[in-house]
Amino acid sequence: MHTTTIGLAEAKNNFSRVTAEVNRSGRPVTVLKNNKPWVTISPAAGVANPDMVDVAVDFMDEYADVFEELAK
């Protein structure tokens, strides 16, 4: 199985999307720190309906600017 790798900044900035894709595809993602494997994000056993995750990701994407303001 091919493992995707992404940088730490990308994982941080796109955490919701990254985790939704891991859940949808079932493929883990390795997060790199200083170009070295640091952590792996993998789907949990018995994860809820992937369609619900997609709905949540769409919601987060649609209101990303609101969440950014609230986080200040």
PDB file of N, CA and C in Angstrom:
ATOM      1  N   MET A   1       0.849  -1.183   0.000  1.00  0.00           N
ATOM      2  CA  MET A   1       0.000   0.000   0.000  1.00  0.00           C
ATOM      3  C   MET A   1       0.889   1.239   0.000  1.00  0.00           C
ATOM      4  N   HIS A   2       0.551   2.185  -0.852  1.00  0.00           N
ATOM      5  CA  HIS A   2       1.311   3.425  -0.971  1.00  0.00           C
ATOM      6  C   HIS A   2       0.904   4.386   0.143  1.00  0.00           C
ATOM      7  N   THR A   3       1.897   4.904   0.873  1.00  0.00           N
ATOM      8  CA  THR A   3       1.627   5.873   1.921  1.00  0.00           C
ATOM      9  C   THR A   3       1.922   7.277   1.396  1.00  0.00           C
ATOM     10  N   THR A   4       0.979   8.166   1.563  1.00  0.00           N
ATOM     11  CA  THR A   4       1.154   9.557   1.160  1.00  0.00           C
ATOM     12  C   THR A   4       1.942  10.274   2.244  1.00  0.00           C
ATOM     13  N   THR A   5       2.786  11.220   1.835  1.00  0.00           N
ATOM     14  CA  THR A   5       3.502  12.047   2.799  1.00  0.00           C
ATOM     15  C   THR A   5       3.175  13.512   2.539  1.00  0.00           C
ATOM     16  N   ILE A   6       3.084  14.278   3.633  1.00  0.00           N
ATOM     17  CA  ILE A   6       2.869  15.718   3.537  1.00  0.00           C
ATOM     18  C   ILE A   6       3.703  16.390   4.611  1.00  0.00           C
ATOM     19  N   GLY A   7       3.988  17.660   4.392  1.00  0.00           N
ATOM     20  CA  GLY A   7       4.729  18.434   5.378  1.00  0.00           C
ATOM     21  C   GLY A   7       3.849  18.816   6.550  1.00  0.00           C
ATOM     22  N   LEU A   8       4.491  19.134   7.653  1.00  0.00           N
ATOM     23  CA  LEU A   8       3.779  19.505   8.873  1.00  0.00           C
ATOM     24  C   LEU A   8       2.887  20.728   8.661  1.00  0.00           C
ATOM     25  N   ALA A   9       3.395  21.746   7.973  1.00  0.00           N
ATOM     26  CA  ALA A   9       2.595  22.956   7.742  1.00  0.00           C
ATOM     27  C   ALA A   9       1.342  22.638   6.926  1.00  0.00           C
ATOM     28  N   GLU A  10       1.494  21.810   5.905  1.00  0.00           N
ATOM     29  CA  GLU A  10       0.331  21.424   5.094  1.00  0.00           C
ATOM     30  C   GLU A  10      -0.679  20.646   5.931  1.00  0.00           C
ATOM     31  N   ALA A  11      -0.191  19.739   6.764  1.00  0.00           N
ATOM     32  CA  ALA A  11      -1.083  18.957   7.630  1.00  0.00           C
ATOM     33  C   ALA A  11      -1.841  19.881   8.575  1.00  0.00           C
ATOM     34  N   LYS A  12      -1.144  20.858   9.132  1.00  0.00           N
ATOM     35  CA  LYS A  12      -1.774  21.801  10.054  1.00  0.00           C
ATOM     36  C   LYS A  12      -2.826  22.649   9.344  1.00  0.00           C
ATOM     37  N   ASN A  13      -2.472  23.174   8.187  1.00  0.00           N
ATOM     38  CA  ASN A  13      -3.374  24.069   7.468  1.00  0.00           C
ATOM     39  C   ASN A  13      -4.564  23.361   6.838  1.00  0.00           C
ATOM     40  N   ASN A  14      -4.443  22.058   6.614  1.00  0.00           N
ATOM     41  CA  ASN A  14      -5.500  21.303   5.936  1.00  0.00           C
ATOM     42  C   ASN A  14      -5.916  20.074   6.742  1.00  0.00           C
ATOM     43  N   PHE A  15      -5.848  20.174   8.064  1.00  0.00           N
ATOM     44  CA  PHE A  15      -6.077  19.000   8.905  1.00  0.00           C
ATOM     45  C   PHE A  15      -7.421  18.327   8.636  1.00  0.00           C
ATOM     46  N   SER A  16      -8.461  19.120   8.526  1.00  0.00           N
ATOM     47  CA  SER A  16      -9.789  18.565   8.291  1.00  0.00           C
ATOM     48  C   SER A  16      -9.843  17.783   6.980  1.00  0.00           C
ATOM     49  N   ARG A  17      -9.305  18.361   5.929  1.00  0.00           N
ATOM     50  CA  ARG A  17      -9.286  17.682   4.624  1.00  0.00           C
ATOM     51  C   ARG A  17      -8.418  16.435   4.651  1.00  0.00           C
ATOM     52  N   VAL A  18      -7.253  16.546   5.277  1.00  0.00           N
ATOM     53  CA  VAL A  18      -6.333  15.394   5.331  1.00  0.00           C
ATOM     54  C   VAL A  18      -6.994  14.234   6.066  1.00  0.00           C
ATOM     55  N   THR A  19      -7.587  14.501   7.214  1.00  0.00           N
ATOM     56  CA  THR A  19      -8.202  13.418   7.978  1.00  0.00           C
ATOM     57  C   THR A  19      -9.419  12.840   7.256  1.00  0.00           C
ATOM     58  N   ALA A  20     -10.178  13.685   6.566  1.00  0.00           N
ATOM     59  CA  ALA A  20     -11.327  13.180   5.803  1.00  0.00           C
ATOM     60  C   ALA A  20     -10.858  12.265   4.676  1.00  0.00           C
ATOM     61  N   GLU A  21      -9.775  12.644   4.010  1.00  0.00           N
ATOM     62  CA  GLU A  21      -9.252  11.809   2.921  1.00  0.00           C
ATOM     63  C   GLU A  21      -8.712  10.484   3.458  1.00  0.00           C
ATOM     64  N   VAL A  22      -8.040  10.528   4.597  1.00  0.00           N
ATOM     65  CA  VAL A  22      -7.549   9.289   5.219  1.00  0.00           C
ATOM     66  C   VAL A  22      -8.729   8.382   5.533  1.00  0.00           C
ATOM     67  N   ASN A  23      -9.774   8.952   6.098  1.00  0.00           N
ATOM     68  CA  ASN A  23     -10.960   8.168   6.430  1.00  0.00           C
ATOM     69  C   ASN A  23     -11.636   7.620   5.183  1.00  0.00           C
ATOM     70  N   ARG A  24     -11.748   8.467   4.152  1.00  0.00           N
ATOM     71  CA  ARG A  24     -12.428   8.054   2.919  1.00  0.00           C
ATOM     72  C   ARG A  24     -11.660   6.958   2.192  1.00  0.00           C
ATOM     73  N   SER A  25     -10.349   7.158   2.057  1.00  0.00           N
ATOM     74  CA  SER A  25      -9.544   6.225   1.267  1.00  0.00           C
ATOM     75  C   SER A  25      -9.061   5.012   2.048  1.00  0.00           C
ATOM     76  N   GLY A  26      -8.958   5.176   3.373  1.00  0.00           N
ATOM     77  CA  GLY A  26      -8.409   4.088   4.183  1.00  0.00           C
ATOM     78  C   GLY A  26      -6.886   4.036   4.140  1.00  0.00           C
ATOM     79  N   ARG A  27      -6.257   4.992   3.441  1.00  0.00           N
ATOM     80  CA  ARG A  27      -4.794   5.023   3.328  1.00  0.00           C
ATOM     81  C   ARG A  27      -4.200   6.007   4.329  1.00  0.00           C
ATOM     82  N   PRO A  28      -3.182   5.589   5.064  1.00  0.00           N
ATOM     83  CA  PRO A  28      -2.554   6.500   6.023  1.00  0.00           C
ATOM     84  C   PRO A  28      -1.759   7.603   5.336  1.00  0.00           C
ATOM     85  N   VAL A  29      -1.528   8.668   6.071  1.00  0.00           N
ATOM     86  CA  VAL A  29      -0.705   9.787   5.612  1.00  0.00           C
ATOM     87  C   VAL A  29       0.403   9.980   6.636  1.00  0.00           C
ATOM     88  N   THR A  30       1.640  10.031   6.172  1.00  0.00           N
ATOM     89  CA  THR A  30       2.771  10.297   7.051  1.00  0.00           C
ATOM     90  C   THR A  30       3.094  11.777   6.998  1.00  0.00           C
ATOM     91  N   VAL A  31       3.170  12.390   8.170  1.00  0.00           N
ATOM     92  CA  VAL A  31       3.483  13.811   8.270  1.00  0.00           C
ATOM     93  C   VAL A  31       4.986  13.942   8.505  1.00  0.00           C
ATOM     94  N   LEU A  32       5.616  14.790   7.678  1.00  0.00           N
ATOM     95  CA  LEU A  32       7.056  14.997   7.756  1.00  0.00           C
ATOM     96  C   LEU A  32       7.369  16.273   8.532  1.00  0.00           C
ATOM     97  N   LYS A  33       8.379  16.195   9.372  1.00  0.00           N
ATOM     98  CA  LYS A  33       8.904  17.369  10.069  1.00  0.00           C
ATOM     99  C   LYS A  33      10.382  17.434   9.738  1.00  0.00           C
ATOM    100  N   ASN A  34      10.810  18.543   9.169  1.00  0.00           N
ATOM    101  CA  ASN A  34      12.200  18.681   8.698  1.00  0.00           C
ATOM    102  C   ASN A  34      12.555  17.564   7.717  1.00  0.00           C
ATOM    103  N   ASN A  35      11.594  17.242   6.839  1.00  0.00           N
ATOM    104  CA  ASN A  35      11.752  16.215   5.795  1.00  0.00           C
ATOM    105  C   ASN A  35      11.992  14.815   6.330  1.00  0.00           C
ATOM    106  N   LYS A  36      11.606  14.569   7.579  1.00  0.00           N
ATOM    107  CA  LYS A  36      11.729  13.225   8.161  1.00  0.00           C
ATOM    108  C   LYS A  36      10.371  12.807   8.701  1.00  0.00           C
ATOM    109  N   PRO A  37      10.020  11.525   8.562  1.00  0.00           N
ATOM    110  CA  PRO A  37       8.731  11.057   9.098  1.00  0.00           C
ATOM    111  C   PRO A  37       8.607  11.405  10.583  1.00  0.00           C
ATOM    112  N   TRP A  38       7.469  11.984  10.938  1.00  0.00           N
ATOM    113  CA  TRP A  38       7.257  12.413  12.314  1.00  0.00           C
ATOM    114  C   TRP A  38       6.086  11.662  12.951  1.00  0.00           C
ATOM    115  N   VAL A  39       4.909  11.717  12.310  1.00  0.00           N
ATOM    116  CA  VAL A  39       3.730  10.985  12.776  1.00  0.00           C
ATOM    117  C   VAL A  39       2.970  10.441  11.573  1.00  0.00           C
ATOM    118  N   THR A  40       2.105   9.481  11.834  1.00  0.00           N
ATOM    119  CA  THR A  40       1.243   8.934  10.791  1.00  0.00           C
ATOM    120  C   THR A  40      -0.203   9.118  11.212  1.00  0.00           C
ATOM    121  N   ILE A  41      -1.003   9.594  10.282  1.00  0.00           N
ATOM    122  CA  ILE A  41      -2.444   9.706  10.493  1.00  0.00           C
ATOM    123  C   ILE A  41      -3.072   8.520   9.772  1.00  0.00           C
ATOM    124  N   SER A  42      -3.805   7.709  10.508  1.00  0.00           N
ATOM    125  CA  SER A  42      -4.427   6.537   9.895  1.00  0.00           C
ATOM    126  C   SER A  42      -5.868   6.423  10.371  1.00  0.00           C
ATOM    127  N   PRO A  43      -6.714   5.762   9.580  1.00  0.00           N
ATOM    128  CA  PRO A  43      -8.121   5.649   9.963  1.00  0.00           C
ATOM    129  C   PRO A  43      -8.284   4.761  11.189  1.00  0.00           C
ATOM    130  N   ALA A  44      -9.220   5.126  12.038  1.00  0.00           N
ATOM    131  CA  ALA A  44      -9.542   4.312  13.199  1.00  0.00           C
ATOM    132  C   ALA A  44     -10.440   3.161  12.769  1.00  0.00           C
ATOM    133  N   ALA A  45     -10.371   2.073  13.486  1.00  0.00           N
ATOM    134  CA  ALA A  45     -11.254   0.942  13.201  1.00  0.00           C
ATOM    135  C   ALA A  45     -12.690   1.342  13.524  1.00  0.00           C
ATOM    136  N   GLY A  46     -13.605   0.967  12.661  1.00  0.00           N
ATOM    137  CA  GLY A  46     -15.022   1.229  12.916  1.00  0.00           C
ATOM    138  C   GLY A  46     -15.403   2.693  12.829  1.00  0.00           C
ATOM    139  N   VAL A  47     -14.749   3.456  11.967  1.00  0.00           N
ATOM    140  CA  VAL A  47     -15.065   4.877  11.812  1.00  0.00           C
ATOM    141  C   VAL A  47     -16.480   5.020  11.272  1.00  0.00           C
ATOM    142  N   ALA A  48     -17.134   6.100  11.672  1.00  0.00           N
ATOM    143  CA  ALA A  48     -18.513   6.366  11.245  1.00  0.00           C
ATOM    144  C   ALA A  48     -18.609   6.504   9.734  1.00  0.00           C
ATOM    145  N   ASN A  49     -19.792   6.652   9.271  1.00  0.00           N
ATOM    146  CA  ASN A  49     -20.113   6.779   7.852  1.00  0.00           C
ATOM    147  C   ASN A  49     -19.247   7.855   7.182  1.00  0.00           C
ATOM    148  N   PRO A  50     -18.466   7.484   6.152  1.00  0.00           N
ATOM    149  CA  PRO A  50     -17.616   8.470   5.473  1.00  0.00           C
ATOM    150  C   PRO A  50     -18.400   9.628   4.869  1.00  0.00           C
ATOM    151  N   ASP A  51     -19.665   9.400   4.498  1.00  0.00           N
ATOM    152  CA  ASP A  51     -20.468  10.490   3.947  1.00  0.00           C
ATOM    153  C   ASP A  51     -20.665  11.598   4.970  1.00  0.00           C
ATOM    154  N   MET A  52     -20.795  11.231   6.236  1.00  0.00           N
ATOM    155  CA  MET A  52     -20.936  12.225   7.291  1.00  0.00           C
ATOM    156  C   MET A  52     -19.658  13.038   7.434  1.00  0.00           C
ATOM    157  N   VAL A  53     -18.521  12.407   7.267  1.00  0.00           N
ATOM    158  CA  VAL A  53     -17.247  13.125   7.330  1.00  0.00           C
ATOM    159  C   VAL A  53     -17.170  14.120   6.187  1.00  0.00           C
ATOM    160  N   ASP A  54     -17.585  13.709   4.993  1.00  0.00           N
ATOM    161  CA  ASP A  54     -17.580  14.618   3.849  1.00  0.00           C
ATOM    162  C   ASP A  54     -18.465  15.833   4.102  1.00  0.00           C
ATOM    163  N   VAL A  55     -19.610  15.628   4.722  1.00  0.00           N
ATOM    164  CA  VAL A  55     -20.508  16.736   5.040  1.00  0.00           C
ATOM    165  C   VAL A  55     -19.822  17.688   6.014  1.00  0.00           C
ATOM    166  N   ALA A  56     -19.143  17.144   7.013  1.00  0.00           N
ATOM    167  CA  ALA A  56     -18.452  17.980   7.993  1.00  0.00           C
ATOM    168  C   ALA A  56     -17.322  18.761   7.341  1.00  0.00           C
ATOM    169  N   VAL A  57     -16.566  18.122   6.456  1.00  0.00           N
ATOM    170  CA  VAL A  57     -15.466  18.803   5.765  1.00  0.00           C
ATOM    171  C   VAL A  57     -16.014  19.922   4.889  1.00  0.00           C
ATOM    172  N   ASP A  58     -17.085  19.659   4.165  1.00  0.00           N
ATOM    173  CA  ASP A  58     -17.693  20.694   3.331  1.00  0.00           C
ATOM    174  C   ASP A  58     -18.136  21.885   4.177  1.00  0.00           C
ATOM    175  N   PHE A  59     -18.719  21.606   5.334  1.00  0.00           N
ATOM    176  CA  PHE A  59     -19.152  22.663   6.243  1.00  0.00           C
ATOM    177  C   PHE A  59     -17.960  23.484   6.716  1.00  0.00           C
ATOM    178  N   MET A  60     -16.894  22.796   7.137  1.00  0.00           N
ATOM    179  CA  MET A  60     -15.688  23.482   7.613  1.00  0.00           C
ATOM    180  C   MET A  60     -15.084  24.330   6.500  1.00  0.00           C
ATOM    181  N   ASP A  61     -15.044  23.792   5.287  1.00  0.00           N
ATOM    182  CA  ASP A  61     -14.488  24.544   4.159  1.00  0.00           C
ATOM    183  C   ASP A  61     -15.322  25.792   3.868  1.00  0.00           C
ATOM    184  N   GLU A  62     -16.634  25.635   3.902  1.00  0.00           N
ATOM    185  CA  GLU A  62     -17.519  26.752   3.571  1.00  0.00           C
ATOM    186  C   GLU A  62     -17.384  27.896   4.567  1.00  0.00           C
ATOM    187  N   TYR A  63     -17.145  27.547   5.826  1.00  0.00           N
ATOM    188  CA  TYR A  63     -17.075  28.567   6.871  1.00  0.00           C
ATOM    189  C   TYR A  63     -15.669  28.738   7.444  1.00  0.00           C
ATOM    190  N   ALA A  64     -14.652  28.410   6.658  1.00  0.00           N
ATOM    191  CA  ALA A  64     -13.265  28.489   7.113  1.00  0.00           C
ATOM    192  C   ALA A  64     -12.916  29.890   7.590  1.00  0.00           C
ATOM    193  N   ASP A  65     -13.376  30.916   6.869  1.00  0.00           N
ATOM    194  CA  ASP A  65     -13.048  32.289   7.263  1.00  0.00           C
ATOM    195  C   ASP A  65     -13.657  32.643   8.625  1.00  0.00           C
ATOM    196  N   VAL A  66     -14.840  32.143   8.904  1.00  0.00           N
ATOM    197  CA  VAL A  66     -15.481  32.385  10.199  1.00  0.00           C
ATOM    198  C   VAL A  66     -14.686  31.709  11.313  1.00  0.00           C
ATOM    199  N   PHE A  67     -14.267  30.460  11.082  1.00  0.00           N
ATOM    200  CA  PHE A  67     -13.504  29.735  12.092  1.00  0.00           C
ATOM    201  C   PHE A  67     -12.150  30.405  12.344  1.00  0.00           C
ATOM    202  N   GLU A  68     -11.541  30.934  11.294  1.00  0.00           N
ATOM    203  CA  GLU A  68     -10.262  31.641  11.452  1.00  0.00           C
ATOM    204  C   GLU A  68     -10.450  32.882  12.311  1.00  0.00           C
ATOM    205  N   GLU A  69     -11.521  33.614  12.097  1.00  0.00           N
ATOM    206  CA  GLU A  69     -11.797  34.800  12.905  1.00  0.00           C
ATOM    207  C   GLU A  69     -12.047  34.426  14.359  1.00  0.00           C
ATOM    208  N   LEU A  70     -12.795  33.369  14.581  1.00  0.00           N
ATOM    209  CA  LEU A  70     -13.087  32.939  15.938  1.00  0.00           C
ATOM    210  C   LEU A  70     -11.841  32.456  16.675  1.00  0.00           C
ATOM    211  N   ALA A  71     -10.877  31.947  15.924  1.00  0.00           N
ATOM    212  CA  ALA A  71      -9.654  31.416  16.531  1.00  0.00           C
ATOM    213  C   ALA A  71      -8.697  32.515  16.973  1.00  0.00           C
ATOM    214  N   LYS A  72      -8.953  33.747  16.548  1.00  0.00           N
ATOM    215  CA  LYS A  72      -8.053  34.857  16.905  1.00  0.00           C
ATOM    216  C   LYS A  72      -8.188  35.243  18.354  1.00  0.00           C
TER     217      LYS A  72
END
